[in-house]
C-alpha atoms as a PDB file:
ATOM      1  CA  UNK A   1       0.000   0.000   0.000  1.00  0.00           C
ATOM      2  CA  UNK A   2       1.371   3.424  -0.968  1.00  0.00           C
ATOM      3  CA  UNK A   3       0.814   6.358   1.329  1.00  0.00           C
ATOM      4  CA  UNK A   4       1.283   9.970   0.295  1.00  0.00           C
ATOM      5  CA  UNK A   5       3.755  11.941   2.384  1.00  0.00           C
ATOM      6  CA  UNK A   6       2.390  14.412   4.888  1.00  0.00           C
ATOM      7  CA  UNK A   7       3.692  17.875   3.989  1.00  0.00           C
ATOM      8  CA  UNK A   8       3.680  20.376   6.795  1.00  0.00           C
ATOM      9  CA  UNK A   9       6.342  22.982   6.077  1.00  0.00           C
ATOM     10  CA  UNK A  10       6.116  26.232   4.154  1.00  0.00           C
ATOM     11  CA  UNK A  11       7.505  26.360   0.617  1.00  0.00           C
ATOM     12  CA  UNK A  12      11.028  27.844   0.580  1.00  0.00           C
ATOM     13  CA  UNK A  13      10.091  30.575  -1.915  1.00  0.00           C
ATOM     14  CA  UNK A  14      13.396  30.285  -3.746  1.00  0.00           C
ATOM     15  CA  UNK A  15      14.289  32.900  -6.335  1.00  0.00           C
ATOM     16  CA  UNK A  16      15.736  32.426  -9.812  1.00  0.00           C
ATOM     17  CA  UNK A  17      19.244  32.523  -8.319  1.00  0.00           C
ATOM     18  CA  UNK A  18      18.764  29.034  -6.922  1.00  0.00           C
ATOM     19  CA  UNK A  19      17.849  27.750 -10.372  1.00  0.00           C
ATOM     20  CA  UNK A  20      21.168  29.097 -11.613  1.00  0.00           C
ATOM     21  CA  UNK A  21      22.932  27.358  -8.747  1.00  0.00           C
ATOM     22  CA  UNK A  22      21.287  24.015  -9.522  1.00  0.00           C
ATOM     23  CA  UNK A  23      22.125  24.406 -13.220  1.00  0.00           C
ATOM     24  CA  UNK A  24      25.773  25.379 -12.789  1.00  0.00           C
ATOM     25  CA  UNK A  25      26.392  22.839 -10.014  1.00  0.00           C
ATOM     26  CA  UNK A  26      25.319  20.086 -12.412  1.00  0.00           C
ATOM     27  CA  UNK A  27      27.667  21.391 -15.090  1.00  0.00           C
ATOM     28  CA  UNK A  28      30.533  21.884 -12.626  1.00  0.00           C
ATOM     29  CA  UNK A  29      30.421  18.357 -11.253  1.00  0.00           C
ATOM     30  CA  UNK A  30      29.487  16.743 -14.550  1.00  0.00           C
ATOM     31  CA  UNK A  31      32.262  18.497 -16.487  1.00  0.00           C
ATOM     32  CA  UNK A  32      34.928  17.415 -14.026  1.00  0.00           C
ATOM     33  CA  UNK A  33      33.717  13.809 -14.165  1.00  0.00           C
ATOM     34  CA  UNK A  34      33.664  13.933 -17.953  1.00  0.00           C
ATOM     35  CA  UNK A  35      37.144  15.479 -18.094  1.00  0.00           C
ATOM     36  CA  UNK A  36      38.521  12.730 -15.875  1.00  0.00           C
ATOM     37  CA  UNK A  37      36.896  10.007 -17.980  1.00  0.00           C
ATOM     38  CA  UNK A  38      38.309  11.530 -21.180  1.00  0.00           C
ATOM     39  CA  UNK A  39      41.781  11.948 -19.731  1.00  0.00           C
ATOM     40  CA  UNK A  40      41.862   8.457 -18.226  1.00  0.00           C
ATOM     41  CA  UNK A  41      40.322   6.704 -21.217  1.00  0.00           C
ATOM     42  CA  UNK A  42      43.767   5.651 -22.385  1.00  0.00           C
ATOM     43  CA  UNK A  43      43.517   7.584 -25.665  1.00  0.00           C
ATOM     44  CA  UNK A  44      45.875  10.603 -25.713  1.00  0.00           C
ATOM     45  CA  UNK A  45      43.800  12.242 -28.467  1.00  0.00           C
ATOM     46  CA  UNK A  46      41.003  12.816 -25.929  1.00  0.00           C
ATOM     47  CA  UNK A  47      43.231  15.142 -23.894  1.00  0.00           C
ATOM     48  CA  UNK A  48      42.156  18.255 -25.829  1.00  0.00           C
ATOM     49  CA  UNK A  49      38.471  17.666 -25.021  1.00  0.00           C
ATOM     50  CA  UNK A  50      39.383  16.830 -21.418  1.00  0.00           C
ATOM     51  CA  UNK A  51      41.026  20.236 -21.019  1.00  0.00           C
ATOM     52  CA  UNK A  52      37.896  21.949 -22.344  1.00  0.00           C
ATOM     53  CA  UNK A  53      35.872  20.123 -19.683  1.00  0.00           C
ATOM     54  CA  UNK A  54      38.351  21.170 -16.974  1.00  0.00           C
ATOM     55  CA  UNK A  55      38.058  24.780 -18.148  1.00  0.00           C
ATOM     56  CA  UNK A  56      34.251  24.555 -17.949  1.00  0.00           C
ATOM     57  CA  UNK A  57      34.291  23.106 -14.453  1.00  0.00           C
ATOM     58  CA  UNK A  58      36.235  26.023 -12.960  1.00  0.00           C
ATOM     59  CA  UNK A  59      33.907  29.012 -13.665  1.00  0.00           C
ATOM     60  CA  UNK A  60      30.744  26.954 -13.179  1.00  0.00           C
ATOM     61  CA  UNK A  61      32.001  25.965  -9.723  1.00  0.00           C
ATOM     62  CA  UNK A  62      33.123  29.496  -8.924  1.00  0.00           C
ATOM     63  CA  UNK A  63      29.711  31.019  -9.602  1.00  0.00           C
ATOM     64  CA  UNK A  64      27.788  28.603  -7.341  1.00  0.00           C
ATOM     65  CA  UNK A  65      28.541  30.228  -3.944  1.00  0.00           C
ATOM     66  CA  UNK A  66      27.627  33.658  -5.341  1.00  0.00           C
ATOM     67  CA  UNK A  67      24.276  32.365  -6.584  1.00  0.00           C
ATOM     68  CA  UNK A  68      23.577  30.748  -3.226  1.00  0.00           C
ATOM     69  CA  UNK A  69      24.450  33.970  -1.431  1.00  0.00           C
ATOM     70  CA  UNK A  70      22.329  36.062  -3.809  1.00  0.00           C
ATOM     71  CA  UNK A  71      19.325  33.808  -3.195  1.00  0.00           C
ATOM     72  CA  UNK A  72      19.567  34.506   0.530  1.00  0.00           C
ATOM     73  CA  UNK A  73      18.944  38.200  -0.227  1.00  0.00           C
ATOM     74  CA  UNK A  74      19.231  40.366   2.882  1.00  0.00           C
ATOM     75  CA  UNK A  75      20.069  37.245   4.881  1.00  0.00           C
ATOM     76  CA  UNK A  76      23.356  36.630   3.055  1.00  0.00           C
ATOM     77  CA  UNK A  77      25.067  36.199   6.407  1.00  0.00           C
ATOM     78  CA  UNK A  78      23.247  32.849   6.822  1.00  0.00           C
ATOM     79  CA  UNK A  79      25.602  31.359   4.229  1.00  0.00           C
ATOM     80  CA  UNK A  80      28.577  32.471   6.317  1.00  0.00           C
ATOM     81  CA  UNK A  81      26.981  30.915   9.386  1.00  0.00           C
ATOM     82  CA  UNK A  82      26.613  27.631   7.496  1.00  0.00           C
ATOM     83  CA  UNK A  83      30.411  27.482   7.323  1.00  0.00           C
ATOM     84  CA  UNK A  84      31.512  29.227  10.519  1.00  0.00           C
ATOM     85  CA  UNK A  85      30.001  28.991  13.997  1.00  0.00           C
ATOM     86  CA  UNK A  86      30.007  32.490  15.514  1.00  0.00           C
ATOM     87  CA  UNK A  87      28.279  31.544  18.755  1.00  0.00           C
ATOM     88  CA  UNK A  88      30.271  33.078  21.658  1.00  0.00           C
ATOM     89  CA  UNK A  89      32.332  30.390  23.326  1.00  0.00           C
ATOM     90  CA  UNK A  90      31.786  27.900  20.480  1.00  0.00           C
ATOM     91  CA  UNK A  91      33.486  29.617  17.535  1.00  0.00           C
ATOM     92  CA  UNK A  92      34.933  27.425  14.830  1.00  0.00           C
ATOM     93  CA  UNK A  93      34.047  25.504  11.726  1.00  0.00           C
ATOM     94  CA  UNK A  94      30.353  24.721  11.457  1.00  0.00           C
ATOM     95  CA  UNK A  95      30.108  21.219   9.991  1.00  0.00           C
ATOM     96  CA  UNK A  96      26.962  19.182  10.660  1.00  0.00           C
ATOM     97  CA  UNK A  97      27.325  15.706   9.222  1.00  0.00           C
ATOM     98  CA  UNK A  98      23.620  15.022   9.808  1.00  0.00           C
ATOM     99  CA  UNK A  99      22.561  18.033   7.705  1.00  0.00           C
ATOM    100  CA  UNK A 100      22.513  17.533   3.892  1.00  0.00           C
ATOM    101  CA  UNK A 101      22.758  21.296   3.414  1.00  0.00           C
ATOM    102  CA  UNK A 102      25.846  21.603   5.626  1.00  0.00           C
ATOM    103  CA  UNK A 103      27.534  18.601   4.001  1.00  0.00           C
ATOM    104  CA  UNK A 104      26.711  19.975   0.547  1.00  0.00           C
ATOM    105  CA  UNK A 105      28.125  23.438   1.308  1.00  0.00           C
ATOM    106  CA  UNK A 106      31.397  21.954   2.564  1.00  0.00           C
ATOM    107  CA  UNK A 107      31.553  19.493  -0.349  1.00  0.00           C
ATOM    108  CA  UNK A 108      31.221  22.406  -2.763  1.00  0.00           C
ATOM    109  CA  UNK A 109      34.030  24.242  -0.966  1.00  0.00           C
ATOM    110  CA  UNK A 110      36.371  21.237  -1.023  1.00  0.00           C
ATOM    111  CA  UNK A 111      35.438  20.311  -4.584  1.00  0.00           C
ATOM    112  CA  UNK A 112      36.363  23.841  -5.695  1.00  0.00           C
ATOM    113  CA  UNK A 113      40.035  23.005  -5.117  1.00  0.00           C
ATOM    114  CA  UNK A 114      39.979  20.369  -7.862  1.00  0.00           C
ATOM    115  CA  UNK A 115      38.568  22.421 -10.788  1.00  0.00           C
ATOM    116  CA  UNK A 116      40.861  25.305  -9.803  1.00  0.00           C
ATOM    117  CA  UNK A 117      44.017  23.186  -9.875  1.00  0.00           C
ATOM    118  CA  UNK A 118      42.960  21.218 -12.973  1.00  0.00           C
ATOM    119  CA  UNK A 119      42.045  24.375 -14.926  1.00  0.00           C
ATOM    120  CA  UNK A 120      45.417  25.874 -13.981  1.00  0.00           C
ATOM    121  CA  UNK A 121      47.136  22.683 -15.086  1.00  0.00           C
ATOM    122  CA  UNK A 122      45.266  22.849 -18.416  1.00  0.00           C
ATOM    123  CA  UNK A 123      46.447  26.445 -18.894  1.00  0.00           C
ATOM    124  CA  UNK A 124      50.017  25.360 -18.222  1.00  0.00           C
ATOM    125  CA  UNK A 125      49.813  22.419 -20.623  1.00  0.00           C
ATOM    126  CA  UNK A 126      48.316  24.742 -23.262  1.00  0.00           C
ATOM    127  CA  UNK A 127      51.345  27.040 -22.777  1.00  0.00           C
ATOM    128  CA  UNK A 128      49.160  29.928 -21.653  1.00  0.00           C
ATOM    129  CA  UNK A 129      50.907  30.160 -18.305  1.00  0.00           C
ATOM    130  CA  UNK A 130      54.692  30.223 -18.354  1.00  0.00           C
ATOM    131  CA  UNK A 131      56.528  30.149 -15.044  1.00  0.00           C
ATOM    132  CA  UNK A 132      58.965  27.726 -13.387  1.00  0.00           C
ATOM    133  CA  UNK A 133      56.465  27.105 -10.576  1.00  0.00           C
ATOM    134  CA  UNK A 134      53.773  26.391 -13.166  1.00  0.00           C
ATOM    135  CA  UNK A 135      55.983  23.802 -14.828  1.00  0.00           C
ATOM    136  CA  UNK A 136      56.656  22.248 -11.428  1.00  0.00           C
ATOM    137  CA  UNK A 137      52.896  21.948 -10.794  1.00  0.00           C
ATOM    138  CA  UNK A 138      52.369  20.274 -14.169  1.00  0.00           C
ATOM    139  CA  UNK A 139      55.193  17.830 -13.447  1.00  0.00           C
ATOM    140  CA  UNK A 140      53.747  17.098  -9.999  1.00  0.00           C
ATOM    141  CA  UNK A 141      50.350  16.230 -11.484  1.00  0.00           C
ATOM    142  CA  UNK A 142      51.856  14.002 -14.142  1.00  0.00           C
ATOM    143  CA  UNK A 143      51.603  10.305 -13.396  1.00  0.00           C
ATOM    144  CA  UNK A 144      50.086   8.521 -10.428  1.00  0.00           C
ATOM    145  CA  UNK A 145      49.532  11.601  -8.275  1.00  0.00           C
ATOM    146  CA  UNK A 146      47.647  13.329 -11.078  1.00  0.00           C
ATOM    147  CA  UNK A 147      45.469  10.275 -11.672  1.00  0.00           C
ATOM    148  CA  UNK A 148      44.604  10.056  -7.981  1.00  0.00           C
ATOM    149  CA  UNK A 149      43.864  13.793  -7.883  1.00  0.00           C
ATOM    150  CA  UNK A 150      41.492  13.577 -10.849  1.00  0.00           C
ATOM    151  CA  UNK A 151      39.718  10.497  -9.501  1.00  0.00           C
ATOM    152  CA  UNK A 152      39.092  12.088  -6.100  1.00  0.00           C
ATOM    153  CA  UNK A 153      37.853  15.228  -7.844  1.00  0.00           C
ATOM    154  CA  UNK A 154      35.560  13.150 -10.066  1.00  0.00           C
ATOM    155  CA  UNK A 155      34.061  11.378  -7.036  1.00  0.00           C
ATOM    156  CA  UNK A 156      33.332  14.761  -5.469  1.00  0.00           C
ATOM    157  CA  UNK A 157      32.015  15.922  -8.843  1.00  0.00           C
ATOM    158  CA  UNK A 158      29.499  13.073  -8.871  1.00  0.00           C
ATOM    159  CA  UNK A 159      28.346  14.189  -5.439  1.00  0.00           C
ATOM    160  CA  UNK A 160      28.053  17.854  -6.457  1.00  0.00           C
ATOM    161  CA  UNK A 161      26.092  17.009  -9.610  1.00  0.00           C
ATOM    162  CA  UNK A 162      23.613  14.820  -7.708  1.00  0.00           C
ATOM    163  CA  UNK A 163      23.572  16.668  -4.373  1.00  0.00           C
ATOM    164  CA  UNK A 164      20.985  19.271  -5.370  1.00  0.00           C
ATOM    165  CA  UNK A 165      18.497  16.558  -6.283  1.00  0.00           C
ATOM    166  CA  UNK A 166      19.180  14.651  -3.062  1.00  0.00           C
ATOM    167  CA  UNK A 167      18.721  17.862  -1.059  1.00  0.00           C
ATOM    168  CA  UNK A 168      15.247  18.292  -2.545  1.00  0.00           C
ATOM    169  CA  UNK A 169      14.333  14.654  -1.904  1.00  0.00           C
ATOM    170  CA  UNK A 170      15.134  14.852   1.817  1.00  0.00           C
ATOM    171  CA  UNK A 171      13.010  17.968   2.278  1.00  0.00           C
ATOM    172  CA  UNK A 172       9.363  17.792   3.289  1.00  0.00           C
ATOM    173  CA  UNK A 173       8.011  19.621   0.258  1.00  0.00           C
ATOM    174  CA  UNK A 174       5.354  18.086  -1.998  1.00  0.00           C
ATOM    175  CA  UNK A 175       6.761  16.608  -5.224  1.00  0.00           C
ATOM    176  CA  UNK A 176      10.370  16.783  -3.974  1.00  0.00           C
ATOM    177  CA  UNK A 177       9.931  14.427  -1.039  1.00  0.00           C
ATOM    178  CA  UNK A 178       7.522  12.182  -2.947  1.00  0.00           C
ATOM    179  CA  UNK A 179      10.222  10.615  -5.111  1.00  0.00           C
ATOM    180  CA  UNK A 180      13.641   9.054  -4.692  1.00  0.00           C
ATOM    181  CA  UNK A 181      14.681   9.700  -8.299  1.00  0.00           C
ATOM    182  CA  UNK A 182      15.827  13.320  -8.110  1.00  0.00           C
ATOM    183  CA  UNK A 183      19.446  12.639  -7.129  1.00  0.00           C
ATOM    184  CA  UNK A 184      20.020  10.290 -10.056  1.00  0.00           C
ATOM    185  CA  UNK A 185      17.957  12.453 -12.407  1.00  0.00           C
ATOM    186  CA  UNK A 186      19.982  15.577 -11.673  1.00  0.00           C
ATOM    187  CA  UNK A 187      23.244  13.606 -11.909  1.00  0.00           C
ATOM    188  CA  UNK A 188      22.657  12.203 -15.407  1.00  0.00           C
ATOM    189  CA  UNK A 189      21.138  15.522 -16.477  1.00  0.00           C
ATOM    190  CA  UNK A 190      24.321  17.299 -15.365  1.00  0.00           C
ATOM    191  CA  UNK A 191      26.476  14.766 -17.215  1.00  0.00           C
ATOM    192  CA  UNK A 192      24.350  15.179 -20.350  1.00  0.00           C
ATOM    193  CA  UNK A 193      24.582  18.968 -20.172  1.00  0.00           C
ATOM    194  CA  UNK A 194      28.344  18.773 -19.642  1.00  0.00           C
ATOM    195  CA  UNK A 195      28.829  16.507 -22.668  1.00  0.00           C
ATOM    196  CA  UNK A 196      26.721  18.914 -24.741  1.00  0.00           C
ATOM    197  CA  UNK A 197      28.692  21.961 -23.589  1.00  0.00           C
ATOM    198  CA  UNK A 198      32.063  20.322 -24.277  1.00  0.00           C
ATOM    199  CA  UNK A 199      30.798  19.323 -27.731  1.00  0.00           C
ATOM    200  CA  UNK A 200      29.602  22.880 -28.342  1.00  0.00           C
ATOM    201  CA  UNK A 201      32.964  24.393 -27.383  1.00  0.00           C
ATOM    202  CA  UNK A 202      35.040  21.740 -29.156  1.00  0.00           C
ATOM    203  CA  UNK A 203      34.495  23.524 -32.470  1.00  0.00           C
ATOM    204  CA  UNK A 204      36.798  26.297 -31.221  1.00  0.00           C
ATOM    205  CA  UNK A 205      39.583  23.802 -30.577  1.00  0.00           C
ATOM    206  CA  UNK A 206      40.178  21.779 -33.773  1.00  0.00           C
ATOM    207  CA  UNK A 207      42.293  19.094 -32.114  1.00  0.00           C
ATOM    208  CA  UNK A 208      39.337  18.153 -29.890  1.00  0.00           C
ATOM    209  CA  UNK A 209      37.247  17.130 -32.915  1.00  0.00           C
ATOM    210  CA  UNK A 210      38.607  13.603 -32.428  1.00  0.00           C
ATOM    211  CA  UNK A 211      36.415  13.260 -29.325  1.00  0.00           C
ATOM    212  CA  UNK A 212      33.198  14.730 -30.746  1.00  0.00           C
ATOM    213  CA  UNK A 213      31.679  11.412 -31.848  1.00  0.00           C
ATOM    214  CA  UNK A 214      32.428   9.893 -28.460  1.00  0.00           C
ATOM    215  CA  UNK A 215      30.909  12.883 -26.681  1.00  0.00           C
ATOM    216  CA  UNK A 216      27.737  12.714 -28.791  1.00  0.00           C
ATOM    217  CA  UNK A 217      27.426   9.022 -28.046  1.00  0.00           C
ATOM    218  CA  UNK A 218      27.922   9.572 -24.314  1.00  0.00           C
ATOM    219  CA  UNK A 219      25.333  12.350 -24.363  1.00  0.00           C
ATOM    220  CA  UNK A 220      22.860   9.987 -26.008  1.00  0.00           C
ATOM    221  CA  UNK A 221      23.334   7.363 -23.311  1.00  0.00           C
ATOM    222  CA  UNK A 222      23.116   9.951 -20.521  1.00  0.00           C
ATOM    223  CA  UNK A 223      19.900  11.299 -22.025  1.00  0.00           C
ATOM    224  CA  UNK A 224      18.393   7.825 -22.351  1.00  0.00           C
ATOM    225  CA  UNK A 225      19.065   7.169 -18.667  1.00  0.00           C
ATOM    226  CA  UNK A 226      17.718  10.629 -17.841  1.00  0.00           C
ATOM    227  CA  UNK A 227      14.486   9.825 -19.691  1.00  0.00           C
ATOM    228  CA  UNK A 228      14.098   6.566 -17.749  1.00  0.00           C
ATOM    229  CA  UNK A 229      14.578   8.378 -14.436  1.00  0.00           C
ATOM    230  CA  UNK A 230      12.109  11.060 -15.478  1.00  0.00           C
ATOM    231  CA  UNK A 231       9.503   8.345 -16.039  1.00  0.00           C
ATOM    232  CA  UNK A 232      10.305   6.966 -12.576  1.00  0.00           C
ATOM    233  CA  UNK A 233       9.957  10.493 -11.177  1.00  0.00           C
ATOM    234  CA  UNK A 234       6.437  10.875 -12.566  1.00  0.00           C
ATOM    235  CA  UNK A 235       5.401   7.372 -11.479  1.00  0.00           C
ATOM    236  CA  UNK A 236       6.497   7.990  -7.880  1.00  0.00           C
ATOM    237  CA  UNK A 237       4.980  11.473  -7.748  1.00  0.00           C
ATOM    238  CA  UNK A 238       1.699  10.164  -9.199  1.00  0.00           C
ATOM    239  CA  UNK A 239       1.644   7.381  -6.589  1.00  0.00           C
ATOM    240  CA  UNK A 240       2.002  10.048  -3.882  1.00  0.00           C
ATOM    241  CA  UNK A 241      -0.895  12.023  -5.320  1.00  0.00           C
ATOM    242  CA  UNK A 242       1.044  15.217  -6.056  1.00  0.00           C
ATOM    243  CA  UNK A 243       1.502  14.933  -9.820  1.00  0.00           C
ATOM    244  CA  UNK A 244      -1.074  17.694 -10.268  1.00  0.00           C
ATOM    245  CA  UNK A 245       1.450  20.202  -8.969  1.00  0.00           C
ATOM    246  CA  UNK A 246       3.692  19.511 -11.957  1.00  0.00           C
ATOM    247  CA  UNK A 247       0.999  20.198 -14.588  1.00  0.00           C
ATOM    248  CA  UNK A 248       1.190  24.029 -14.551  1.00  0.00           C
ATOM    249  CA  UNK A 249       4.793  23.660 -15.721  1.00  0.00           C
ATOM    250  CA  UNK A 250       3.899  21.483 -18.713  1.00  0.00           C
ATOM    251  CA  UNK A 251       5.785  23.709 -21.167  1.00  0.00           C
ATOM    252  CA  UNK A 252       8.986  23.334 -19.170  1.00  0.00           C
ATOM    253  CA  UNK A 253       8.562  19.557 -19.065  1.00  0.00           C
ATOM    254  CA  UNK A 254       8.122  19.509 -22.856  1.00  0.00           C
ATOM    255  CA  UNK A 255      11.298  21.561 -23.341  1.00  0.00           C
ATOM    256  CA  UNK A 256      13.151  19.154 -21.039  1.00  0.00           C
ATOM    257  CA  UNK A 257      11.845  16.170 -23.034  1.00  0.00           C
ATOM    258  CA  UNK A 258      12.986  17.720 -26.312  1.00  0.00           C
ATOM    259  CA  UNK A 259      16.434  18.239 -24.789  1.00  0.00           C
ATOM    260  CA  UNK A 260      16.558  14.562 -23.809  1.00  0.00           C
ATOM    261  CA  UNK A 261      15.216  13.281 -27.126  1.00  0.00           C
ATOM    262  CA  UNK A 262      17.646  15.173 -29.369  1.00  0.00           C
ATOM    263  CA  UNK A 263      20.840  13.247 -28.447  1.00  0.00           C
ATOM    264  CA  UNK A 264      18.934   9.944 -28.259  1.00  0.00           C
ATOM    265  CA  UNK A 265      17.871  10.430 -31.885  1.00  0.00           C
ATOM    266  CA  UNK A 266      21.528  11.145 -32.645  1.00  0.00           C
ATOM    267  CA  UNK A 267      22.431   7.666 -31.376  1.00  0.00           C
ATOM    268  CA  UNK A 268      20.179   6.118 -34.007  1.00  0.00           C
ATOM    269  CA  UNK A 269      21.241   8.504 -36.764  1.00  0.00           C
ATOM    270  CA  UNK A 270      24.938   9.403 -36.370  1.00  0.00           C
ATOM    271  CA  UNK A 271      26.256  11.915 -38.951  1.00  0.00           C
ATOM    272  CA  UNK A 272      28.037  10.354 -41.927  1.00  0.00           C
ATOM    273  CA  UNK A 273      30.348  11.915 -44.469  1.00  0.00           C
ATOM    274  CA  UNK A 274      29.654  10.637 -47.992  1.00  0.00           C
ATOM    275  CA  UNK A 275      32.299  10.425 -50.688  1.00  0.00           C
ATOM    276  CA  UNK A 276      32.344  13.515 -52.880  1.00  0.00           C
ATOM    277  CA  UNK A 277      30.240  15.603 -50.500  1.00  0.00           C
ATOM    278  CA  UNK A 278      32.483  15.463 -47.462  1.00  0.00           C
ATOM    279  CA  UNK A 279      32.781  19.201 -46.820  1.00  0.00           C
ATOM    280  CA  UNK A 280      29.067  19.900 -47.161  1.00  0.00           C
ATOM    281  CA  UNK A 281      28.115  16.905 -45.040  1.00  0.00           C
ATOM    282  CA  UNK A 282      30.656  17.862 -42.394  1.00  0.00           C
ATOM    283  CA  UNK A 283      29.254  21.403 -42.255  1.00  0.00           C
ATOM    284  CA  UNK A 284      25.722  20.022 -41.870  1.00  0.00           C
ATOM    285  CA  UNK A 285      26.896  17.650 -39.146  1.00  0.00           C
ATOM    286  CA  UNK A 286      28.443  20.583 -37.262  1.00  0.00           C
ATOM    287  CA  UNK A 287      25.200  22.548 -37.455  1.00  0.00           C
ATOM    288  CA  UNK A 288      23.244  19.518 -36.249  1.00  0.00           C
ATOM    289  CA  UNK A 289      25.705  19.002 -33.395  1.00  0.00           C
ATOM    290  CA  UNK A 290      25.394  22.643 -32.350  1.00  0.00           C
ATOM    291  CA  UNK A 291      21.595  22.552 -32.428  1.00  0.00           C
ATOM    292  CA  UNK A 292      21.486  19.328 -30.402  1.00  0.00           C
ATOM    293  CA  UNK A 293      23.922  20.710 -27.830  1.00  0.00           C
ATOM    294  CA  UNK A 294      21.862  23.881 -27.376  1.00  0.00           C
ATOM    295  CA  UNK A 295      18.648  21.865 -27.059  1.00  0.00           C
ATOM    296  CA  UNK A 296      20.265  19.677 -24.403  1.00  0.00           C
ATOM    297  CA  UNK A 297      21.474  22.655 -22.346  1.00  0.00           C
ATOM    298  CA  UNK A 298      18.106  24.399 -22.530  1.00  0.00           C
ATOM    299  CA  UNK A 299      16.460  21.111 -21.560  1.00  0.00           C
ATOM    300  CA  UNK A 300      18.749  20.705 -18.555  1.00  0.00           C
ATOM    301  CA  UNK A 301      17.775  24.181 -17.356  1.00  0.00           C
ATOM    302  CA  UNK A 302      14.070  23.555 -18.019  1.00  0.00           C
ATOM    303  CA  UNK A 303      14.138  20.282 -16.084  1.00  0.00           C
ATOM    304  CA  UNK A 304      15.520  21.950 -12.995  1.00  0.00           C
ATOM    305  CA  UNK A 305      13.083  24.842 -13.275  1.00  0.00           C
ATOM    306  CA  UNK A 306      10.109  22.474 -13.575  1.00  0.00           C
ATOM    307  CA  UNK A 307      11.221  20.416 -10.566  1.00  0.00           C
ATOM    308  CA  UNK A 308      12.067  23.399  -8.365  1.00  0.00           C
ATOM    309  CA  UNK A 309       8.967  25.455  -9.004  1.00  0.00           C
ATOM    310  CA  UNK A 310       6.519  22.537  -8.936  1.00  0.00           C
ATOM    311  CA  UNK A 311       6.785  22.552  -5.150  1.00  0.00           C
ATOM    312  CA  UNK A 312       6.378  26.298  -4.671  1.00  0.00           C
END
């Protein structure tokens, strides 16, 4: 027998800033995971695309704390209190392992070290930073230490990409707390958006074109899993009796579905270059890739907007 959850707390009344945080957190974590997978795939030709993903992860991580702070409005100091205990006689770090919000804030802070170092390393390897200390850092991250660093960062990236969905699930809001699928849904959505963004930016780095087919394929698989989890989301919410709250946001759900469907269709119909029409076909394939990537990114944003505002 399925029982609907009893909801007894006021809606958080989040602003659009929090939507930006959820969107960029997914891209930050997803891009770092994707960069690590590309770099550790064993194919050196994937390194160019991996560096693009590391570059993406840095600014998308950097903007997250500012969006969180902006959403707090006049109560910006609450974010500071999440990190530091200012109670007289009990000053110090404020870490509450039993609080998903506290754990998430600290995870974001620690994770920020990894995109920062990896983006700097990418700049050094691209010869855009020239300094003896920079060369020493690149040498330090070459080999086993670098692999371990990337893997730890990727594990944290998985957490960051899924954390926002988990945070909603453990709340007591209708829709959010009525399903267990949000963590996984936001994770694969973030990975899909990251693959799309790397593919979109790869056109500005010719040597990364080697990885484009692999990125499109990965995006298709991520989107297929995302679609499955979205179905699970609606089944669980319907069982709880709160699916009606999602209906006013039907347009957003449709945009999200289009964003999921585009790369899945690409799996069935990969671009081909025919003899004698290679240049024209390649140009068409690039346009198609760009359109699909934009649809995916818009869909990722729409999905988060639909989920967030369905409970408010």
